[in-house]
Amino acid sequence: MILLSDANVLMDLGHVRGLSALTQLTAVEVLDVVLTECHHHSQPGLVEEIRAAGVKEIKSQLSWLSSIAPDISRRLSLQDRLNFYYAQTFSRTLLTNERQLRLTCQAQGVGVHGTLWVIAEVHARQICPAESLCEWLDILSDLDRRLPMQEIAILKETLNCP
């Protein structure tokens, strides 16, 4: 499995210094337009951290947009449309927390997960200690990263967070 990450997951992992844990799971790619979004909308140095973690940058093609069904195009941003196309066409599992993009992927049979899945996988593969992952969840909750509170509570229970 190769993961394709959207900006919001990379930003979340950047906040908790978890980008290297992501790339220990499997190969990870990011579209150039998503990397640009990370540069403009997040903490300083994030793009450099993403590259240093070993995330592979993919050059997007505007010609991809003409291959996306019009009903899908109307519901998604440019970056989300390109992410969807690339994940669908090249059999990638998409990492995103964007609700509309997740729903589109699920409806079209494209594998999709979010930040909380990454944390659960990092725990399952024993890449980071549970205590660190509990701290990650606290940080993300404090930053109001719009993650589902019920799923956070379940994950905290799994990790035996205080």
N, C-alpha and C. Protein backbone atom coordinates (compact mmCIF):
# COMPACT_ATOMS: atom_id res chain seq x y z
N MET A 1 0.84 -1.17 0.00
CA MET A 1 0.00 0.00 0.00
C MET A 1 0.89 1.24 0.00
N ILE A 2 0.55 2.17 -0.86
CA ILE A 2 1.21 3.48 -0.88
C ILE A 2 0.16 4.50 -0.47
N LEU A 3 0.53 5.37 0.45
CA LEU A 3 -0.38 6.39 0.95
C LEU A 3 -0.16 7.70 0.19
N LEU A 4 -1.24 8.39 -0.10
CA LEU A 4 -1.21 9.73 -0.66
C LEU A 4 -1.82 10.65 0.37
N SER A 5 -1.08 11.64 0.84
CA SER A 5 -1.56 12.47 1.94
C SER A 5 -2.07 13.82 1.48
N ASP A 6 -3.18 14.20 2.08
CA ASP A 6 -3.73 15.54 1.93
C ASP A 6 -3.05 16.45 2.95
N ALA A 7 -3.20 17.74 2.77
CA ALA A 7 -2.51 18.71 3.63
C ALA A 7 -2.91 18.59 5.10
N ASN A 8 -4.19 18.37 5.38
CA ASN A 8 -4.63 18.40 6.77
C ASN A 8 -3.98 17.32 7.61
N VAL A 9 -3.76 16.14 7.06
CA VAL A 9 -3.09 15.07 7.81
C VAL A 9 -1.62 15.43 8.03
N LEU A 10 -0.98 15.95 7.01
CA LEU A 10 0.42 16.37 7.16
C LEU A 10 0.56 17.48 8.20
N MET A 11 -0.39 18.41 8.20
CA MET A 11 -0.36 19.49 9.18
C MET A 11 -0.54 18.94 10.59
N ASP A 12 -1.50 18.02 10.75
CA ASP A 12 -1.71 17.40 12.05
C ASP A 12 -0.43 16.73 12.55
N LEU A 13 0.17 15.93 11.70
CA LEU A 13 1.38 15.21 12.09
C LEU A 13 2.56 16.15 12.29
N GLY A 14 2.57 17.25 11.57
CA GLY A 14 3.60 18.26 11.78
C GLY A 14 3.48 18.88 13.16
N HIS A 15 2.25 19.14 13.59
CA HIS A 15 2.02 19.73 14.92
C HIS A 15 2.55 18.84 16.04
N VAL A 16 2.48 17.52 15.85
CA VAL A 16 2.89 16.60 16.91
C VAL A 16 4.27 15.99 16.66
N ARG A 17 4.94 16.46 15.62
CA ARG A 17 6.26 15.93 15.23
C ARG A 17 6.18 14.43 14.92
N GLY A 18 5.12 14.06 14.16
CA GLY A 18 4.89 12.66 13.85
C GLY A 18 5.09 12.28 12.39
N LEU A 19 5.70 13.16 11.61
CA LEU A 19 5.87 12.86 10.18
C LEU A 19 6.77 11.66 9.94
N SER A 20 7.80 11.50 10.73
CA SER A 20 8.69 10.35 10.53
C SER A 20 7.99 9.05 10.88
N ALA A 21 7.05 9.09 11.81
CA ALA A 21 6.27 7.88 12.14
C ALA A 21 5.39 7.50 10.96
N LEU A 22 4.83 8.50 10.28
CA LEU A 22 3.99 8.22 9.10
C LEU A 22 4.78 7.47 8.05
N THR A 23 5.98 7.92 7.75
CA THR A 23 6.76 7.28 6.69
C THR A 23 7.35 5.95 7.13
N GLN A 24 7.30 5.64 8.41
CA GLN A 24 7.70 4.31 8.87
C GLN A 24 6.59 3.28 8.63
N LEU A 25 5.36 3.76 8.41
CA LEU A 25 4.25 2.84 8.13
C LEU A 25 4.40 2.22 6.74
N THR A 26 4.68 3.05 5.75
CA THR A 26 4.78 2.63 4.35
C THR A 26 5.22 3.84 3.53
N ALA A 27 5.33 3.66 2.23
CA ALA A 27 5.68 4.77 1.35
C ALA A 27 4.55 5.80 1.36
N VAL A 28 4.94 7.07 1.35
CA VAL A 28 3.95 8.16 1.39
C VAL A 28 4.29 9.15 0.28
N GLU A 29 3.25 9.58 -0.41
CA GLU A 29 3.39 10.58 -1.47
C GLU A 29 2.52 11.79 -1.15
N VAL A 30 2.86 12.91 -1.77
CA VAL A 30 2.07 14.13 -1.66
C VAL A 30 2.14 14.86 -2.99
N LEU A 31 1.02 15.37 -3.46
CA LEU A 31 1.01 16.14 -4.69
C LEU A 31 1.65 17.50 -4.45
N ASP A 32 2.30 18.03 -5.47
CA ASP A 32 2.98 19.32 -5.35
C ASP A 32 2.02 20.44 -4.95
N VAL A 33 0.77 20.40 -5.44
CA VAL A 33 -0.19 21.45 -5.08
C VAL A 33 -0.59 21.35 -3.61
N VAL A 34 -0.54 20.16 -3.05
CA VAL A 34 -0.84 19.97 -1.63
C VAL A 34 0.34 20.47 -0.79
N LEU A 35 1.54 20.21 -1.27
CA LEU A 35 2.72 20.71 -0.57
C LEU A 35 2.73 22.23 -0.55
N THR A 36 2.30 22.84 -1.63
CA THR A 36 2.18 24.30 -1.68
C THR A 36 1.15 24.79 -0.67
N GLU A 37 0.05 24.06 -0.55
CA GLU A 37 -0.97 24.39 0.45
C GLU A 37 -0.39 24.31 1.86
N CYS A 38 0.42 23.32 2.11
CA CYS A 38 1.08 23.18 3.43
C CYS A 38 1.98 24.38 3.70
N HIS A 39 2.65 24.85 2.69
CA HIS A 39 3.56 25.99 2.83
C HIS A 39 2.79 27.26 3.20
N HIS A 40 1.62 27.45 2.59
CA HIS A 40 0.88 28.69 2.78
C HIS A 40 -0.04 28.70 4.00
N HIS A 41 -0.41 27.54 4.52
CA HIS A 41 -1.43 27.51 5.56
C HIS A 41 -1.01 26.81 6.84
N SER A 42 0.26 26.72 7.10
CA SER A 42 0.63 25.98 8.31
C SER A 42 1.87 26.56 8.97
N GLN A 43 2.37 25.79 9.91
CA GLN A 43 3.51 26.22 10.70
C GLN A 43 4.77 26.33 9.84
N PRO A 44 5.65 27.28 10.17
CA PRO A 44 6.89 27.45 9.41
C PRO A 44 7.74 26.18 9.44
N GLY A 45 8.34 25.86 8.31
CA GLY A 45 9.24 24.72 8.23
C GLY A 45 8.55 23.39 7.96
N LEU A 46 7.22 23.38 7.85
CA LEU A 46 6.52 22.12 7.65
C LEU A 46 6.92 21.43 6.35
N VAL A 47 7.03 22.17 5.28
CA VAL A 47 7.37 21.55 3.99
C VAL A 47 8.73 20.88 4.07
N GLU A 48 9.68 21.52 4.71
CA GLU A 48 11.00 20.93 4.87
C GLU A 48 10.93 19.66 5.72
N GLU A 49 10.11 19.68 6.77
CA GLU A 49 9.94 18.50 7.61
C GLU A 49 9.30 17.36 6.83
N ILE A 50 8.35 17.67 5.98
CA ILE A 50 7.68 16.66 5.15
C ILE A 50 8.71 16.00 4.23
N ARG A 51 9.51 16.81 3.58
CA ARG A 51 10.54 16.28 2.68
C ARG A 51 11.58 15.48 3.46
N ALA A 52 12.00 15.99 4.62
CA ALA A 52 13.01 15.30 5.42
C ALA A 52 12.51 13.95 5.93
N ALA A 53 11.22 13.83 6.13
CA ALA A 53 10.65 12.57 6.60
C ALA A 53 10.63 11.51 5.50
N GLY A 54 10.84 11.94 4.25
CA GLY A 54 10.87 10.97 3.15
C GLY A 54 9.59 10.88 2.35
N VAL A 55 8.70 11.85 2.50
CA VAL A 55 7.48 11.88 1.70
C VAL A 55 7.87 12.29 0.28
N LYS A 56 7.41 11.51 -0.68
CA LYS A 56 7.76 11.74 -2.09
C LYS A 56 6.79 12.73 -2.72
N GLU A 57 7.33 13.77 -3.33
CA GLU A 57 6.52 14.79 -3.99
C GLU A 57 6.18 14.33 -5.41
N ILE A 58 4.90 14.44 -5.78
CA ILE A 58 4.41 14.06 -7.10
C ILE A 58 3.96 15.32 -7.83
N LYS A 59 4.44 15.49 -9.06
CA LYS A 59 4.03 16.64 -9.86
C LYS A 59 2.64 16.37 -10.44
N SER A 60 1.70 17.22 -10.09
CA SER A 60 0.33 17.05 -10.58
C SER A 60 0.20 17.61 -11.99
N GLN A 61 -0.79 17.09 -12.69
CA GLN A 61 -1.06 17.50 -14.07
C GLN A 61 -2.48 18.08 -14.13
N LEU A 62 -2.62 19.27 -14.67
CA LEU A 62 -3.95 19.85 -14.79
C LEU A 62 -4.83 19.03 -15.74
N SER A 63 -4.22 18.28 -16.63
CA SER A 63 -5.00 17.44 -17.55
C SER A 63 -5.79 16.37 -16.80
N TRP A 64 -5.37 16.05 -15.58
CA TRP A 64 -6.10 15.06 -14.79
C TRP A 64 -7.53 15.53 -14.51
N LEU A 65 -7.72 16.83 -14.40
CA LEU A 65 -9.03 17.38 -14.03
C LEU A 65 -10.12 17.01 -15.04
N SER A 66 -9.76 16.91 -16.31
CA SER A 66 -10.76 16.59 -17.33
C SER A 66 -11.25 15.15 -17.23
N SER A 67 -10.55 14.32 -16.49
CA SER A 67 -10.93 12.91 -16.34
C SER A 67 -11.87 12.68 -15.16
N ILE A 68 -12.15 13.71 -14.39
CA ILE A 68 -12.99 13.57 -13.20
C ILE A 68 -14.43 13.90 -13.57
N ALA A 69 -15.35 13.06 -13.15
CA ALA A 69 -16.77 13.27 -13.43
C ALA A 69 -17.22 14.64 -12.92
N PRO A 70 -18.03 15.35 -13.70
CA PRO A 70 -18.47 16.70 -13.30
C PRO A 70 -19.16 16.76 -11.94
N ASP A 71 -19.94 15.74 -11.58
CA ASP A 71 -20.63 15.79 -10.29
C ASP A 71 -19.65 15.72 -9.13
N ILE A 72 -18.53 15.05 -9.34
CA ILE A 72 -17.48 15.01 -8.31
C ILE A 72 -16.75 16.33 -8.26
N SER A 73 -16.45 16.89 -9.42
CA SER A 73 -15.70 18.14 -9.50
C SER A 73 -16.39 19.29 -8.78
N ARG A 74 -17.70 19.33 -8.84
CA ARG A 74 -18.44 20.45 -8.21
C ARG A 74 -18.33 20.42 -6.69
N ARG A 75 -18.09 19.25 -6.11
CA ARG A 75 -18.11 19.12 -4.66
C ARG A 75 -16.74 19.28 -4.01
N LEU A 76 -15.67 19.29 -4.79
CA LEU A 76 -14.33 19.25 -4.21
C LEU A 76 -13.48 20.43 -4.66
N SER A 77 -12.54 20.82 -3.81
CA SER A 77 -11.57 21.86 -4.16
C SER A 77 -10.62 21.32 -5.24
N LEU A 78 -9.83 22.18 -5.83
CA LEU A 78 -8.87 21.77 -6.84
C LEU A 78 -7.92 20.71 -6.29
N GLN A 79 -7.34 20.97 -5.11
CA GLN A 79 -6.41 20.00 -4.52
C GLN A 79 -7.10 18.67 -4.23
N ASP A 80 -8.33 18.74 -3.74
CA ASP A 80 -9.06 17.52 -3.43
C ASP A 80 -9.39 16.73 -4.70
N ARG A 81 -9.75 17.42 -5.77
CA ARG A 81 -10.01 16.73 -7.04
C ARG A 81 -8.75 16.03 -7.55
N LEU A 82 -7.63 16.73 -7.48
CA LEU A 82 -6.38 16.13 -7.94
C LEU A 82 -5.97 14.95 -7.05
N ASN A 83 -6.14 15.09 -5.75
CA ASN A 83 -5.86 13.98 -4.83
C ASN A 83 -6.75 12.78 -5.16
N PHE A 84 -8.04 13.03 -5.34
CA PHE A 84 -8.97 11.95 -5.66
C PHE A 84 -8.56 11.25 -6.95
N TYR A 85 -8.30 12.03 -7.99
CA TYR A 85 -7.92 11.45 -9.28
C TYR A 85 -6.67 10.59 -9.15
N TYR A 86 -5.65 11.13 -8.51
CA TYR A 86 -4.38 10.41 -8.40
C TYR A 86 -4.55 9.13 -7.58
N ALA A 87 -5.26 9.21 -6.47
CA ALA A 87 -5.48 8.02 -5.63
C ALA A 87 -6.27 6.97 -6.40
N GLN A 88 -7.29 7.38 -7.10
CA GLN A 88 -8.12 6.43 -7.86
C GLN A 88 -7.34 5.83 -9.02
N THR A 89 -6.65 6.64 -9.77
CA THR A 89 -5.96 6.19 -10.98
C THR A 89 -4.73 5.34 -10.67
N PHE A 90 -4.01 5.69 -9.63
CA PHE A 90 -2.76 5.00 -9.33
C PHE A 90 -2.85 4.09 -8.10
N SER A 91 -4.08 3.76 -7.72
CA SER A 91 -4.34 2.81 -6.61
C SER A 91 -3.61 3.19 -5.33
N ARG A 92 -3.81 4.41 -4.90
CA ARG A 92 -3.25 4.87 -3.64
C ARG A 92 -4.35 4.92 -2.59
N THR A 93 -3.97 4.80 -1.33
CA THR A 93 -4.88 5.01 -0.23
C THR A 93 -4.70 6.46 0.20
N LEU A 94 -5.80 7.20 0.19
CA LEU A 94 -5.74 8.63 0.48
C LEU A 94 -5.87 8.89 1.98
N LEU A 95 -5.03 9.77 2.48
CA LEU A 95 -5.11 10.23 3.86
C LEU A 95 -5.69 11.64 3.86
N THR A 96 -6.86 11.78 4.44
CA THR A 96 -7.49 13.10 4.53
C THR A 96 -8.49 13.12 5.66
N ASN A 97 -8.70 14.30 6.21
CA ASN A 97 -9.74 14.50 7.22
C ASN A 97 -10.91 15.28 6.65
N GLU A 98 -10.82 15.64 5.37
CA GLU A 98 -11.88 16.40 4.71
C GLU A 98 -13.10 15.52 4.48
N ARG A 99 -14.21 15.89 5.08
CA ARG A 99 -15.42 15.05 5.03
C ARG A 99 -15.87 14.76 3.60
N GLN A 100 -16.00 15.79 2.77
CA GLN A 100 -16.52 15.60 1.42
C GLN A 100 -15.59 14.72 0.59
N LEU A 101 -14.30 14.89 0.75
CA LEU A 101 -13.34 14.06 0.02
C LEU A 101 -13.41 12.61 0.50
N ARG A 102 -13.55 12.42 1.79
CA ARG A 102 -13.68 11.06 2.34
C ARG A 102 -14.93 10.38 1.79
N LEU A 103 -16.05 11.10 1.78
CA LEU A 103 -17.30 10.53 1.27
C LEU A 103 -17.18 10.19 -0.21
N THR A 104 -16.54 11.05 -0.97
CA THR A 104 -16.35 10.78 -2.40
C THR A 104 -15.50 9.54 -2.60
N CYS A 105 -14.42 9.44 -1.86
CA CYS A 105 -13.55 8.25 -1.97
C CYS A 105 -14.32 6.98 -1.61
N GLN A 106 -15.06 7.02 -0.53
CA GLN A 106 -15.82 5.85 -0.11
C GLN A 106 -16.84 5.45 -1.17
N ALA A 107 -17.53 6.43 -1.74
CA ALA A 107 -18.55 6.15 -2.77
C ALA A 107 -17.93 5.58 -4.04
N GLN A 108 -16.69 5.95 -4.32
CA GLN A 108 -16.03 5.53 -5.56
C GLN A 108 -15.07 4.36 -5.36
N GLY A 109 -15.03 3.81 -4.15
CA GLY A 109 -14.19 2.65 -3.88
C GLY A 109 -12.70 2.94 -3.74
N VAL A 110 -12.37 4.18 -3.38
CA VAL A 110 -10.98 4.57 -3.17
C VAL A 110 -10.70 4.46 -1.67
N GLY A 111 -9.64 3.76 -1.30
CA GLY A 111 -9.28 3.63 0.12
C GLY A 111 -8.99 4.99 0.72
N VAL A 112 -9.50 5.23 1.92
CA VAL A 112 -9.31 6.53 2.56
C VAL A 112 -9.26 6.35 4.08
N HIS A 113 -8.35 7.07 4.71
CA HIS A 113 -8.19 7.10 6.16
C HIS A 113 -7.82 8.52 6.57
N GLY A 114 -7.79 8.75 7.90
CA GLY A 114 -7.45 10.07 8.40
C GLY A 114 -6.35 10.02 9.45
N THR A 115 -6.16 11.13 10.11
CA THR A 115 -5.12 11.26 11.12
C THR A 115 -5.26 10.21 12.23
N LEU A 116 -6.47 9.98 12.69
CA LEU A 116 -6.66 9.04 13.79
C LEU A 116 -6.29 7.61 13.38
N TRP A 117 -6.53 7.26 12.13
CA TRP A 117 -6.10 5.95 11.62
C TRP A 117 -4.58 5.85 11.66
N VAL A 118 -3.90 6.93 11.25
CA VAL A 118 -2.44 6.94 11.28
C VAL A 118 -1.95 6.69 12.70
N ILE A 119 -2.53 7.38 13.67
CA ILE A 119 -2.12 7.21 15.06
C ILE A 119 -2.37 5.77 15.52
N ALA A 120 -3.52 5.22 15.16
CA ALA A 120 -3.83 3.83 15.53
C ALA A 120 -2.84 2.85 14.90
N GLU A 121 -2.47 3.09 13.65
CA GLU A 121 -1.51 2.22 12.96
C GLU A 121 -0.11 2.33 13.56
N VAL A 122 0.28 3.55 13.91
CA VAL A 122 1.58 3.76 14.55
C VAL A 122 1.63 2.99 15.87
N HIS A 123 0.51 2.99 16.59
CA HIS A 123 0.42 2.22 17.83
C HIS A 123 0.47 0.72 17.54
N ALA A 124 -0.33 0.25 16.60
CA ALA A 124 -0.41 -1.18 16.30
C ALA A 124 0.94 -1.75 15.86
N ARG A 125 1.71 -0.94 15.17
CA ARG A 125 3.02 -1.40 14.69
C ARG A 125 4.15 -1.05 15.66
N GLN A 126 3.79 -0.50 16.79
CA GLN A 126 4.73 -0.16 17.86
C GLN A 126 5.87 0.75 17.37
N ILE A 127 5.50 1.72 16.57
CA ILE A 127 6.48 2.68 16.06
C ILE A 127 6.79 3.75 17.11
N CYS A 128 5.77 4.13 17.88
CA CYS A 128 5.93 5.10 18.97
C CYS A 128 5.24 4.56 20.21
N PRO A 129 5.74 4.92 21.38
CA PRO A 129 5.09 4.46 22.61
C PRO A 129 3.70 5.09 22.77
N ALA A 130 2.82 4.37 23.42
CA ALA A 130 1.46 4.84 23.64
C ALA A 130 1.43 6.20 24.35
N GLU A 131 2.36 6.42 25.27
CA GLU A 131 2.38 7.70 26.00
C GLU A 131 2.56 8.87 25.04
N SER A 132 3.44 8.69 24.05
CA SER A 132 3.65 9.75 23.06
C SER A 132 2.40 9.98 22.23
N LEU A 133 1.74 8.90 21.86
CA LEU A 133 0.53 9.01 21.04
C LEU A 133 -0.60 9.68 21.83
N CYS A 134 -0.65 9.43 23.13
CA CYS A 134 -1.62 10.13 23.99
C CYS A 134 -1.35 11.63 23.98
N GLU A 135 -0.08 11.99 24.02
CA GLU A 135 0.30 13.41 23.95
C GLU A 135 -0.12 14.00 22.60
N TRP A 136 0.07 13.24 21.53
CA TRP A 136 -0.35 13.70 20.20
C TRP A 136 -1.84 14.03 20.22
N LEU A 137 -2.63 13.13 20.76
CA LEU A 137 -4.09 13.34 20.80
C LEU A 137 -4.45 14.57 21.62
N ASP A 138 -3.75 14.79 22.71
CA ASP A 138 -3.99 15.98 23.53
C ASP A 138 -3.65 17.25 22.77
N ILE A 139 -2.51 17.23 22.09
CA ILE A 139 -2.09 18.40 21.30
C ILE A 139 -3.11 18.71 20.22
N LEU A 140 -3.51 17.68 19.48
CA LEU A 140 -4.47 17.88 18.39
C LEU A 140 -5.82 18.36 18.91
N SER A 141 -6.24 17.85 20.07
CA SER A 141 -7.49 18.31 20.67
C SER A 141 -7.38 19.77 21.10
N ASP A 142 -6.24 20.14 21.70
CA ASP A 142 -6.03 21.52 22.12
C ASP A 142 -6.00 22.49 20.94
N LEU A 143 -5.52 22.01 19.80
CA LEU A 143 -5.44 22.85 18.60
C LEU A 143 -6.76 22.91 17.84
N ASP A 144 -7.74 22.14 18.32
CA ASP A 144 -9.06 22.09 17.67
C ASP A 144 -8.93 21.76 16.18
N ARG A 145 -8.32 20.60 15.91
CA ARG A 145 -8.08 20.16 14.53
C ARG A 145 -9.31 19.50 13.90
N ARG A 146 -10.47 19.68 14.48
CA ARG A 146 -11.74 19.20 13.93
C ARG A 146 -11.77 17.69 13.73
N LEU A 147 -11.18 16.97 14.65
CA LEU A 147 -11.22 15.51 14.61
C LEU A 147 -12.41 15.04 15.44
N PRO A 148 -13.01 13.91 15.06
CA PRO A 148 -14.20 13.45 15.79
C PRO A 148 -13.90 13.05 17.23
N MET A 149 -14.54 13.73 18.16
CA MET A 149 -14.27 13.52 19.59
C MET A 149 -14.56 12.09 20.04
N GLN A 150 -15.61 11.49 19.50
CA GLN A 150 -15.95 10.12 19.89
C GLN A 150 -14.83 9.15 19.48
N GLU A 151 -14.29 9.33 18.28
CA GLU A 151 -13.19 8.46 17.82
C GLU A 151 -11.92 8.72 18.62
N ILE A 152 -11.69 9.97 19.00
CA ILE A 152 -10.53 10.29 19.85
C ILE A 152 -10.67 9.56 21.19
N ALA A 153 -11.87 9.59 21.77
CA ALA A 153 -12.10 8.93 23.05
C ALA A 153 -11.85 7.43 22.96
N ILE A 154 -12.29 6.81 21.87
CA ILE A 154 -12.07 5.37 21.67
C ILE A 154 -10.58 5.08 21.54
N LEU A 155 -9.88 5.90 20.77
CA LEU A 155 -8.45 5.71 20.58
C LEU A 155 -7.70 5.92 21.90
N LYS A 156 -8.10 6.92 22.67
CA LYS A 156 -7.47 7.15 23.97
C LYS A 156 -7.66 5.95 24.89
N GLU A 157 -8.81 5.35 24.82
CA GLU A 157 -9.08 4.15 25.63
C GLU A 157 -8.17 3.00 25.18
N THR A 158 -8.04 2.82 23.88
CA THR A 158 -7.18 1.78 23.33
C THR A 158 -5.73 1.98 23.78
N LEU A 159 -5.30 3.22 23.80
CA LEU A 159 -3.92 3.56 24.18
C LEU A 159 -3.72 3.61 25.70
N ASN A 160 -4.79 3.49 26.45
CA ASN A 160 -4.74 3.62 27.90
C ASN A 160 -4.23 5.00 28.33
N CYS A 161 -4.72 6.02 27.66
CA CYS A 161 -4.32 7.39 27.99
C CYS A 161 -4.93 7.78 29.35
N PRO A 162 -4.19 8.61 30.09
CA PRO A 162 -4.73 9.05 31.39
C PRO A 162 -5.95 9.97 31.20
